Structures are given as structure tokens and as C-alpha cells.
Protein backbone atom coordinates (compact mmCIF):
# COMPACT_ATOMS: atom_id res chain seq x y z
CA UNK A 1 -26.95 -156.99 85.93
CA UNK A 2 -28.92 -158.38 82.99
CA UNK A 3 -27.60 -161.21 80.84
CA UNK A 4 -28.35 -163.15 77.66
CA UNK A 5 -28.41 -166.95 77.39
CA UNK A 6 -26.55 -168.04 74.24
CA UNK A 7 -27.27 -171.19 72.22
CA UNK A 8 -24.29 -172.92 73.86
CA UNK A 9 -25.60 -172.19 77.32
CA UNK A 10 -22.96 -169.53 78.01
CA UNK A 11 -24.12 -166.55 80.02
CA UNK A 12 -23.24 -163.37 78.16
CA UNK A 13 -23.55 -159.99 79.84
CA UNK A 14 -25.92 -157.67 78.01
CA UNK A 15 -25.04 -154.13 77.01
CA UNK A 16 -27.15 -151.83 79.18
CA UNK A 17 -25.39 -148.49 78.57
CA UNK A 18 -24.62 -146.73 75.33
CA UNK A 19 -21.95 -144.13 75.92
CA UNK A 20 -20.91 -141.30 73.60
CA UNK A 21 -17.88 -139.03 73.72
CA UNK A 22 -18.03 -135.69 71.93
CA UNK A 23 -14.32 -135.01 71.48
CA UNK A 24 -12.48 -131.70 71.27
CA UNK A 25 -8.78 -130.83 71.59
CA UNK A 26 -8.64 -130.13 75.32
CA UNK A 27 -11.68 -131.97 76.66
CA UNK A 28 -14.59 -134.21 75.82
CA UNK A 29 -18.25 -134.35 76.78
CA UNK A 30 -19.58 -137.77 77.72
CA UNK A 31 -23.19 -138.89 77.99
CA UNK A 32 -25.01 -142.24 78.10
CA UNK A 33 -28.46 -143.71 77.55
CA UNK A 34 -29.98 -147.14 78.08
CA UNK A 35 -31.71 -149.41 75.57
CA UNK A 36 -34.90 -147.31 75.78
CA UNK A 37 -32.83 -144.17 75.10
CA UNK A 38 -33.43 -142.84 78.61
CA UNK A 39 -30.54 -140.80 79.96
CA UNK A 40 -28.49 -142.76 82.48
CA UNK A 41 -25.48 -140.44 82.46
CA UNK A 42 -26.08 -136.72 82.14
CA UNK A 43 -23.64 -134.92 79.83
CA UNK A 44 -20.48 -133.91 81.63
CA UNK A 45 -17.26 -132.29 80.52
CA UNK A 46 -14.00 -134.13 81.15
CA UNK A 47 -10.69 -132.28 80.75
CA UNK A 48 -8.12 -134.23 78.76
CA UNK A 49 -5.77 -134.48 81.77
CA UNK A 50 -8.48 -136.26 83.80
CA UNK A 51 -9.72 -138.52 81.02
CA UNK A 52 -7.78 -141.70 81.88
CA UNK A 53 -8.80 -141.55 85.52
CA UNK A 54 -12.46 -140.91 84.69
CA UNK A 55 -12.84 -143.73 82.14
CA UNK A 56 -11.09 -146.27 84.40
CA UNK A 57 -13.43 -145.43 87.28
CA UNK A 58 -16.73 -144.98 85.44
CA UNK A 59 -16.87 -147.19 82.34
CA UNK A 60 -18.16 -150.76 82.61
CA UNK A 61 -17.06 -153.87 80.69
CA UNK A 62 -20.62 -154.12 79.32
CA UNK A 63 -20.70 -150.57 77.89
CA UNK A 64 -20.85 -149.89 74.20
CA UNK A 65 -19.06 -146.65 73.30
CA UNK A 66 -19.13 -144.38 70.26
CA UNK A 67 -16.69 -141.65 69.28
CA UNK A 68 -16.50 -139.56 66.13
CA UNK A 69 -13.60 -139.84 63.70
CA UNK A 70 -11.46 -136.81 64.51
CA UNK A 71 -7.74 -136.07 64.65
CA UNK A 72 -7.35 -137.64 68.11
CA UNK A 73 -10.00 -140.36 67.70
CA UNK A 74 -7.46 -143.19 67.67
CA UNK A 75 -6.04 -142.09 71.03
CA UNK A 76 -9.53 -142.39 72.49
CA UNK A 77 -10.13 -145.70 70.72
CA UNK A 78 -6.94 -147.29 72.05
CA UNK A 79 -7.70 -145.99 75.54
CA UNK A 80 -11.33 -147.11 75.66
CA UNK A 81 -11.28 -150.41 73.75
CA UNK A 82 -9.72 -152.53 76.58
CA UNK A 83 -12.23 -151.17 79.12
CA UNK A 84 -15.58 -151.75 77.40
CA UNK A 85 -17.45 -154.28 75.34
CA UNK A 86 -17.12 -152.42 72.05
CA UNK A 87 -15.98 -149.07 70.69
CA UNK A 88 -17.35 -147.88 67.35
CA UNK A 89 -16.06 -144.89 65.40
CA UNK A 90 -18.75 -142.78 63.76
CA UNK A 91 -18.51 -141.10 60.38
CA UNK A 92 -18.91 -137.44 61.40
CA UNK A 93 -20.29 -136.27 58.06
CA UNK A 94 -23.04 -138.89 57.94
CA UNK A 95 -23.87 -138.47 61.62
CA UNK A 96 -24.27 -134.74 61.07
CA UNK A 97 -26.87 -135.38 58.37
CA UNK A 98 -28.84 -137.71 60.65
CA UNK A 99 -28.68 -135.69 63.85
CA UNK A 100 -28.46 -132.10 62.64
CA UNK A 101 -30.14 -129.57 64.91
CA UNK A 102 -30.74 -125.82 65.05
CA UNK A 103 -29.36 -125.77 68.59
CA UNK A 104 -25.88 -127.26 68.70
CA UNK A 105 -23.89 -127.78 71.89
CA UNK A 106 -21.39 -130.41 72.93
CA UNK A 107 -23.86 -131.81 75.47
CA UNK A 108 -26.62 -132.13 72.86
CA UNK A 109 -24.21 -133.71 70.39
CA UNK A 110 -23.08 -136.30 72.94
CA UNK A 111 -26.66 -137.24 73.82
CA UNK A 112 -27.69 -137.41 70.17
CA UNK A 113 -24.74 -139.68 69.40
CA UNK A 114 -25.55 -141.95 72.37
CA UNK A 115 -29.17 -142.29 71.23
CA UNK A 116 -28.09 -143.12 67.68
CA UNK A 117 -25.84 -145.80 69.11
CA UNK A 118 -28.66 -147.32 71.18
CA UNK A 119 -30.87 -147.34 68.09
CA UNK A 120 -28.07 -148.94 66.01
CA UNK A 121 -28.14 -146.02 63.59
CA UNK A 122 -24.50 -144.93 63.83
CA UNK A 123 -22.76 -144.88 60.42
CA UNK A 124 -19.32 -146.21 61.27
CA UNK A 125 -15.86 -146.05 59.74
CA UNK A 126 -13.22 -148.75 59.62
CA UNK A 127 -10.75 -148.74 62.50
CA UNK A 128 -7.30 -149.16 60.95
CA UNK A 129 -4.62 -151.15 62.80
CA UNK A 130 -1.66 -149.22 64.21
CA UNK A 131 0.62 -150.05 61.26
CA UNK A 132 -1.95 -148.67 58.82
CA UNK A 133 -2.34 -145.49 60.85
CA UNK A 134 1.42 -145.00 60.91
CA UNK A 135 1.74 -145.55 57.17
CA UNK A 136 -1.09 -143.09 56.51
CA UNK A 137 0.63 -140.51 58.72
CA UNK A 138 3.87 -140.97 56.79
CA UNK A 139 2.08 -140.67 53.44
CA UNK A 140 0.34 -137.51 54.65
CA UNK A 141 3.66 -136.04 55.80
CA UNK A 142 5.22 -136.64 52.39
CA UNK A 143 2.20 -135.04 50.73
CA UNK A 144 2.55 -131.93 52.90
CA UNK A 145 6.28 -131.64 52.20
CA UNK A 146 5.89 -132.11 48.45
CA UNK A 147 3.06 -129.55 48.41
CA UNK A 148 5.25 -127.03 50.25
CA UNK A 149 8.05 -127.65 47.73
CA UNK A 150 5.68 -127.15 44.81
CA UNK A 151 4.35 -123.92 46.31
CA UNK A 152 7.89 -122.57 46.74
CA UNK A 153 8.72 -123.41 43.12
CA UNK A 154 5.49 -121.77 41.93
CA UNK A 155 6.33 -118.59 43.82
CA UNK A 156 9.77 -118.49 42.21
CA UNK A 157 8.26 -118.98 38.76
CA UNK A 158 5.80 -116.19 39.54
CA UNK A 159 8.77 -113.88 40.12
CA UNK A 160 10.06 -114.67 36.63
CA UNK A 161 6.64 -114.10 35.10
CA UNK A 162 6.28 -110.74 36.88
CA UNK A 163 9.64 -109.59 35.47
CA UNK A 164 9.15 -111.09 31.98
CA UNK A 165 12.06 -113.49 32.45
CA UNK A 166 12.51 -117.00 31.12
CA UNK A 167 13.75 -119.75 33.48
CA UNK A 168 17.28 -121.10 33.00
CA UNK A 169 17.89 -124.18 30.88
CA UNK A 170 17.39 -127.62 32.44
CA UNK A 171 16.06 -127.97 35.96
CA UNK A 172 15.41 -124.34 37.00
CA UNK A 173 15.99 -124.97 40.71
CA UNK A 174 19.05 -127.21 40.54
CA UNK A 175 22.23 -126.22 42.37
CA UNK A 176 24.03 -125.41 39.12
CA UNK A 177 21.42 -122.71 38.39
CA UNK A 178 21.63 -120.99 41.78
CA UNK A 179 24.13 -118.47 40.45
CA UNK A 180 21.63 -117.54 37.72
CA UNK A 181 18.93 -116.79 40.28
CA UNK A 182 21.26 -114.75 42.44
CA UNK A 183 22.42 -112.67 39.46
CA UNK A 184 18.93 -111.46 38.52
CA UNK A 185 18.61 -107.67 38.31
CA UNK A 186 15.60 -107.23 40.57
CA UNK A 187 14.77 -105.13 43.63
CA UNK A 188 16.26 -105.87 47.03
CA UNK A 189 12.93 -107.15 48.37
CA UNK A 190 12.52 -109.51 45.41
CA UNK A 191 16.09 -110.72 45.87
CA UNK A 192 15.27 -111.49 49.51
CA UNK A 193 12.14 -113.39 48.43
CA UNK A 194 14.17 -115.45 45.94
CA UNK A 195 16.82 -116.23 48.54
CA UNK A 196 14.23 -117.36 51.08
CA UNK A 197 12.35 -119.54 48.61
CA UNK A 198 15.56 -121.22 47.46
CA UNK A 199 16.55 -121.76 51.09
CA UNK A 200 13.15 -123.34 51.73
CA UNK A 201 13.64 -125.66 48.76
CA UNK A 202 17.03 -126.68 50.12
CA UNK A 203 15.54 -127.44 53.54
CA UNK A 204 12.56 -129.36 52.19
CA UNK A 205 14.44 -131.75 49.90
CA UNK A 206 16.26 -133.69 52.67
CA UNK A 207 12.99 -134.02 54.58
CA UNK A 208 11.22 -135.38 51.51
CA UNK A 209 14.08 -137.80 50.86
CA UNK A 210 14.01 -139.06 54.46
CA UNK A 211 10.25 -139.61 54.31
CA UNK A 212 10.43 -141.39 50.99
CA UNK A 213 13.25 -143.63 52.18
CA UNK A 214 11.17 -144.64 55.18
CA UNK A 215 8.23 -145.47 52.89
CA UNK A 216 10.52 -147.57 50.70
CA UNK A 217 11.84 -149.37 53.79
CA UNK A 218 8.28 -150.14 54.95
CA UNK A 219 7.38 -151.54 51.52
CA UNK A 220 9.30 -154.74 52.30
CA UNK A 221 8.30 -155.12 55.96
CA UNK A 222 5.33 -156.53 57.83
CA UNK A 223 2.00 -156.76 56.10
CA UNK A 224 3.19 -154.60 53.19
CA UNK A 225 5.95 -156.97 52.02
CA UNK A 226 3.45 -159.53 50.72
CA UNK A 227 1.40 -156.92 48.84
CA UNK A 228 3.90 -154.48 47.35
CA UNK A 229 5.04 -156.77 44.52
CA UNK A 230 1.45 -157.33 43.37
CA UNK A 231 1.09 -153.57 42.87
CA UNK A 232 4.56 -153.01 41.41
CA UNK A 233 3.82 -155.48 38.62
CA UNK A 234 1.22 -153.03 37.30
CA UNK A 235 2.25 -150.32 34.83
CA UNK A 236 2.37 -146.81 36.25
CA UNK A 237 2.78 -148.00 39.84
CA UNK A 238 6.13 -147.36 41.51
CA UNK A 239 7.05 -148.17 45.08
CA UNK A 240 5.94 -144.80 46.49
CA UNK A 241 2.63 -144.94 44.62
CA UNK A 242 2.15 -148.51 45.82
CA UNK A 243 2.57 -147.42 49.44
CA UNK A 244 0.06 -144.61 49.01
CA UNK A 245 -2.45 -147.09 47.57
CA UNK A 246 -1.83 -149.66 50.31
CA UNK A 247 -2.13 -147.04 53.05
CA UNK A 248 -5.50 -145.93 51.72
CA UNK A 249 -6.87 -149.45 51.23
CA UNK A 250 -5.52 -150.71 54.55
CA UNK A 251 -7.03 -154.18 54.31
CA UNK A 252 -8.33 -155.43 50.97
CA UNK A 253 -10.54 -157.97 52.76
CA UNK A 254 -12.92 -155.24 53.86
CA UNK A 255 -13.94 -154.69 50.23
CA UNK A 256 -16.20 -157.51 49.08
CA UNK A 257 -16.11 -156.33 45.48
CA UNK A 258 -14.11 -154.12 43.17
CA UNK A 259 -17.17 -151.87 42.94
CA UNK A 260 -16.94 -151.18 46.67
CA UNK A 261 -13.29 -150.21 46.35
CA UNK A 262 -14.07 -147.91 43.43
CA UNK A 263 -16.77 -146.24 45.51
CA UNK A 264 -14.36 -145.87 48.42
CA UNK A 265 -11.86 -144.10 46.15
CA UNK A 266 -14.43 -141.59 44.89
CA UNK A 267 -13.79 -142.63 41.29
CA UNK A 268 -17.29 -144.03 40.84
CA UNK A 269 -19.85 -142.05 38.85
CA UNK A 270 -22.54 -140.18 40.76
CA UNK A 271 -26.09 -141.34 40.06
CA UNK A 272 -29.25 -139.22 39.97
CA UNK A 273 -32.40 -141.32 39.96
CA UNK A 274 -35.97 -140.04 40.25
CA UNK A 275 -39.01 -141.97 39.10
CA UNK A 276 -38.20 -143.57 35.79
CA UNK A 277 -35.34 -141.20 35.03
CA UNK A 278 -31.82 -142.32 35.89
CA UNK A 279 -28.69 -140.51 34.79
CA UNK A 280 -25.04 -140.62 35.78
CA UNK A 281 -22.89 -137.62 36.48
CA UNK A 282 -19.27 -136.86 37.29
CA UNK A 283 -17.26 -138.93 39.76
CA UNK A 284 -18.35 -138.62 43.39
CA UNK A 285 -14.92 -137.56 44.75
CA UNK A 286 -15.98 -139.09 48.06
CA UNK A 287 -13.49 -141.21 49.94
CA UNK A 288 -9.74 -140.95 50.27
CA UNK A 289 -8.32 -138.19 48.12
CA UNK A 290 -4.76 -139.53 48.16
CA UNK A 291 -5.96 -142.83 46.65
CA UNK A 292 -7.77 -141.02 43.88
CA UNK A 293 -4.76 -138.79 43.15
CA UNK A 294 -2.32 -141.71 43.14
CA UNK A 295 -4.47 -143.68 40.71
CA UNK A 296 -4.83 -140.82 38.26
CA UNK A 297 -1.05 -140.26 38.34
CA UNK A 298 -0.46 -143.98 37.83
CA UNK A 299 -2.95 -143.99 34.96
CA UNK A 300 -1.08 -141.19 33.16
CA UNK A 301 2.17 -143.13 33.48
CA UNK A 302 0.51 -146.36 32.34
CA UNK A 303 -0.90 -144.83 29.16
CA UNK A 304 2.55 -143.51 28.24
CA UNK A 305 4.62 -146.66 28.84
CA UNK A 306 2.22 -149.59 28.36
CA UNK A 307 0.68 -150.47 25.00
CA UNK A 308 -2.47 -152.05 26.42
CA UNK A 309 -3.35 -149.07 28.58
CA UNK A 310 -2.31 -146.61 25.88
CA UNK A 311 -4.69 -148.22 23.39
CA UNK A 312 -7.50 -148.21 25.96
CA UNK A 313 -6.92 -144.54 26.75
CA UNK A 314 -6.86 -143.49 23.10
CA UNK A 315 -10.08 -145.37 22.43
CA UNK A 316 -11.80 -143.78 25.41
CA UNK A 317 -10.40 -140.33 24.65
CA UNK A 318 -12.15 -140.33 21.27
CA UNK A 319 -15.47 -140.96 23.03
CA UNK A 320 -15.09 -139.02 26.27
CA UNK A 321 -12.22 -136.58 25.89
CA UNK A 322 -8.82 -136.90 27.54
CA UNK A 323 -9.90 -135.75 31.02
CA UNK A 324 -12.71 -138.25 31.43
CA UNK A 325 -10.74 -140.96 29.65
CA UNK A 326 -7.86 -140.84 32.15
CA UNK A 327 -10.32 -141.07 35.04
CA UNK A 328 -11.88 -144.13 33.38
CA UNK A 329 -8.40 -145.67 33.03
CA UNK A 330 -7.68 -144.94 36.70
CA UNK A 331 -10.94 -146.60 37.68
CA UNK A 332 -10.16 -149.66 35.58
CA UNK A 333 -6.67 -149.81 37.06
CA UNK A 334 -8.21 -149.82 40.54
CA UNK A 335 -10.41 -152.77 39.57
CA UNK A 336 -7.26 -154.66 38.55
CA UNK A 337 -5.66 -153.69 41.87
CA UNK A 338 -8.61 -155.18 43.74
CA UNK A 339 -8.22 -158.47 41.85
CA UNK A 340 -4.46 -158.82 42.26
CA UNK A 341 -4.60 -158.03 45.98
CA UNK A 342 -7.77 -159.92 46.79
CA UNK A 343 -6.95 -163.04 44.81
CA UNK A 344 -3.15 -162.95 45.07
CA UNK A 345 -2.69 -163.28 41.33
CA UNK A 346 -0.49 -161.85 38.60
CA UNK A 347 -1.92 -159.55 35.96
CA UNK A 348 -2.30 -161.37 32.66
CA UNK A 349 -1.13 -158.24 30.83
CA UNK A 350 2.07 -158.07 32.88
CA UNK A 351 5.22 -157.63 30.80
CA UNK A 352 7.69 -159.94 32.57
CA UNK A 353 10.82 -158.04 31.56
CA UNK A 354 9.33 -154.70 32.56
CA UNK A 355 8.10 -156.12 35.85
CA UNK A 356 11.54 -157.58 36.55
CA UNK A 357 13.15 -154.22 35.83
CA UNK A 358 10.81 -152.55 38.34
CA UNK A 359 11.56 -155.21 40.94
CA UNK A 360 15.30 -154.67 40.48
CA UNK A 361 14.77 -150.95 40.91
CA UNK A 362 12.74 -151.63 44.06
CA UNK A 363 15.53 -153.81 45.41
CA UNK A 364 18.13 -151.18 44.57
CA UNK A 365 16.19 -148.54 46.51
CA UNK A 366 15.77 -150.88 49.46
CA UNK A 367 19.50 -151.50 49.75
CA UNK A 368 21.04 -154.65 51.20
CA UNK A 369 19.43 -154.16 54.62
CA UNK A 370 16.00 -153.60 53.10
CA UNK A 371 16.43 -156.71 50.96
CA UNK A 372 17.29 -158.61 54.17
CA UNK A 373 20.75 -159.47 52.87
CA UNK A 374 19.66 -160.81 49.48
CA UNK A 375 21.48 -159.72 46.37
CA UNK A 376 19.37 -157.56 44.09
CA UNK A 377 18.90 -160.31 41.43
CA UNK A 378 17.97 -162.83 44.16
CA UNK A 379 15.46 -160.36 45.60
CA UNK A 380 13.91 -159.82 42.16
CA UNK A 381 13.71 -163.58 41.59
CA UNK A 382 12.02 -164.07 44.95
CA UNK A 383 9.36 -161.51 44.06
CA UNK A 384 8.89 -162.98 40.57
CA UNK A 385 8.37 -166.42 42.09
CA UNK A 386 5.85 -164.96 44.50
CA UNK A 387 3.99 -163.46 41.53
CA UNK A 388 4.31 -166.61 39.47
CA UNK A 389 6.12 -164.72 36.71
CA UNK A 390 9.46 -164.91 34.90
CA UNK A 391 10.08 -168.65 35.18
CA UNK A 392 11.89 -168.65 31.81
CA UNK A 393 13.65 -165.33 32.34
CA UNK A 394 17.35 -165.83 33.06
CA UNK A 395 18.97 -162.50 32.06
CA UNK A 396 17.83 -158.92 31.66
CA UNK A 397 19.30 -155.73 30.23
CA UNK A 398 19.01 -153.24 33.08
CA UNK A 399 20.36 -149.70 32.84
CA UNK A 400 22.92 -150.64 30.24
CA UNK A 401 24.20 -153.85 31.83
CA UNK A 402 23.19 -157.47 31.75
CA UNK A 403 21.77 -158.88 34.99
CA UNK A 404 21.71 -162.65 35.53
CA UNK A 405 18.81 -163.94 37.58
CA UNK A 406 19.04 -166.99 39.85
CA UNK A 407 16.99 -170.08 38.92
CA UNK A 408 13.24 -169.88 39.67
CA UNK A 409 12.22 -170.65 43.24
CA UNK A 410 8.76 -172.00 42.41
CA UNK A 411 5.46 -170.21 42.31
CA UNK A 412 4.53 -168.35 45.51
CA UNK A 413 1.92 -169.78 47.81
CA UNK A 414 -0.72 -167.27 46.76
CA UNK A 415 0.40 -166.45 43.20
CA UNK A 416 -1.49 -169.33 41.64
CA UNK A 417 -3.31 -167.73 38.73
CA UNK A 418 -3.57 -164.81 36.38
CA UNK A 419 -6.38 -162.40 35.60
CA UNK A 420 -7.49 -160.73 32.41
CA UNK A 421 -6.97 -156.99 32.61
CA UNK A 422 -9.35 -156.17 29.81
């Protein structure tokens, strides 16, 4: 077997096979080429139930393997990574542009992917750690449940529109209004529809609450505990929004600049350049949709409750219109997020009393167990010290009562500076 001599005199085994798996639900097709892109393993189909046995018997520690990012890609990654030299995960959309063909089969796709790997032309995606994958799955589950709830509500409102009826006062779907819905003079089939939609709403709400409580619990555990407070200090960002943002970013260290993070979110402007003509268009909308959605929602809240962001929005709205202005605010908010997470600093525009109120609310939602036994004021003080904020703040009016904060604990190890939001 061939080997490379390193500068330190260590013999390092050289990669001599480039293996690709074309993955489907019930099977995968595997093929391999060498450095000269000659086929060394003809494409073969492996049923999912025989996969573990096949890879343990046929893969080598010197192999370099590529798989495409699909629903079950992480199962393959975790299975293959201990057995080979390296596993890379390909971006399926970009690979398709490079290796598109009129004749498409799983065998051809596997060979094409192996050859791209040997030529070092595979556009890869970041492989998130297990805790990031789990958080993303939880965020996605909440999104699905909330979407289903919204659809059920929309269908009920459509019933009212079809019968020229106005919804009841207050929250139309609250328990106190159920009698109103059941008393509507509509056909039997429409009554059945209303009953089923209300039943669906009743079944969805506990599921949404359970999912949200788990997200809140995770916000003060593991890698997320040291990052959540830096996001919660920002206007428009609550604990659930913070977890959506953190799940999408995963690891801030993989973004060398705020511009890269903006591009990843799809909030960056598209650029059309030809010859001497360069013009910008609408946002790219490439990247993680949930990050983009969370930022726009946070931006709307920020421009309502924070004077700095409200003034920025109003100034931009005069130039761009409200739709484009809120996207610009969301993009600017993301730049601030990059700074506070990357540098571990407090936002210079942070309102200390408002931040403290949000931290108390976070602690209240966590409960005693989530706060690891700390009282709510002690938990808020701990987070303020980590941010380097609120050193002179001793009391706070919170939901109609005065809360006394413990003495400052000293500035957190990373919270050593502030940044200018503007």
C-alpha cells in the first residue's frame, strides 16, 4: 500500500480509493475510483439491511468517502466515519449542476460523485454535531406543529367568510368561545368540519407546548447555555427565537465574517454582473429558511419595542418601502448577532433594564430545575455578569412587582467588551 513521508518523518498512508454512496430510502449504490479516476469498484446496490456488514468488510481505513446530504445522510456519516480516513457530505444541489447528465441512474450518479471526489471538486456542506442535529429536529418539529395549527385556524376562518359571519370577540379559538362555534346555524357537514378542526387545535396545543418547553430547557444546557444570553440581550429575540437562530448557525466559528453569515441566511442581495454592468437584485433566499424567517420576525418585534431599531426602520422605509426596510433591519440584526456570538460581547445599544426583564422571563420559563437551583433573580444576575451588563442595577419593576437583584458577580470570562450596533 502506498504511503506519504511527512515533514516529521511519520509515514502516513495515502488515500488510494475514492468511494461514493448514492443513497435512497431502502438501499444505496456504491462505487469507487482511484486517483486517476479509473474504476476500482464497479457500482453495486446494497440493501439497507446489509449495509453495516458490507461497509465493515469492504471499506479500508485509507478510503475517502462521499455521500450526499439527504434525510438519512447523518446515519451514513456516523456509520462510515469510524471506518475510513474521511467522510465528506456533498451539497446535492451544487453537485447536480456540476454532474448533470441526460442519462441518470443510481450507478452513474455514484460513479460521477466518486470522480468528483477524486478530482477534489465536491461542494461540501458542514457536518453538524449530534446536539445541533437534535436541536434542528426539534425546531423543525415545532415549525410543523405550528403550521398545522395555523392551517386549522385558517380553515375555520374560511368557514366564517363563506357564511358571511364575523368571528367572536377576543381570541376566536379560545375555550370560552367554543359554545359560540357549536351554536352556528350551518349545515351538518360544516358542523362536522368545525368540530374536527377545533378537535385538531385542542390536540396540537399540548404538543406545541411540550416541544417549546423542551427548547426552553435546552437553552440553558450544553453548548447553548453560553450563547443564549448573548442573543436574548437583543431586542426582538426571545428564547424560542434564540434557539431557532442557534440551531441554524450551529457553530459561529465556521463563519469568518458577518458577510458569510448573511449569505448563509439568504438575506444577502443577489448580484448580476456582466462586463462593466453590475446591479443588485432581491435577496437570494438561499440557505436556511428558518433562520431567515426568525430574523424577519425578530426585526418586526425590534422595530416596535426598541427606539434605535424603530428609527432605523422608519428611515429605511422612506427610502425602500416597508417590505424591503424590514429585510434590511433583519440583515443588520444578523450582523450584530455575528459580533455578539463571535466576540462574546454585549451590544452597546442594549437597554439594561429591558435585558434584565427578558432574563427574568427566561429564568421563569426554565423553572427551578432549568435554572439549576438558582433563584430567578440570582439566575438573571449570573447572566448579566456573563454579559458584562447591569453592574449598577439593584432592583427592577417586573410585572407589577419589585425584584431585588443580588450583588454583581463580576464580568464573565468572555463578556469583555461592547460593540456599536449602528
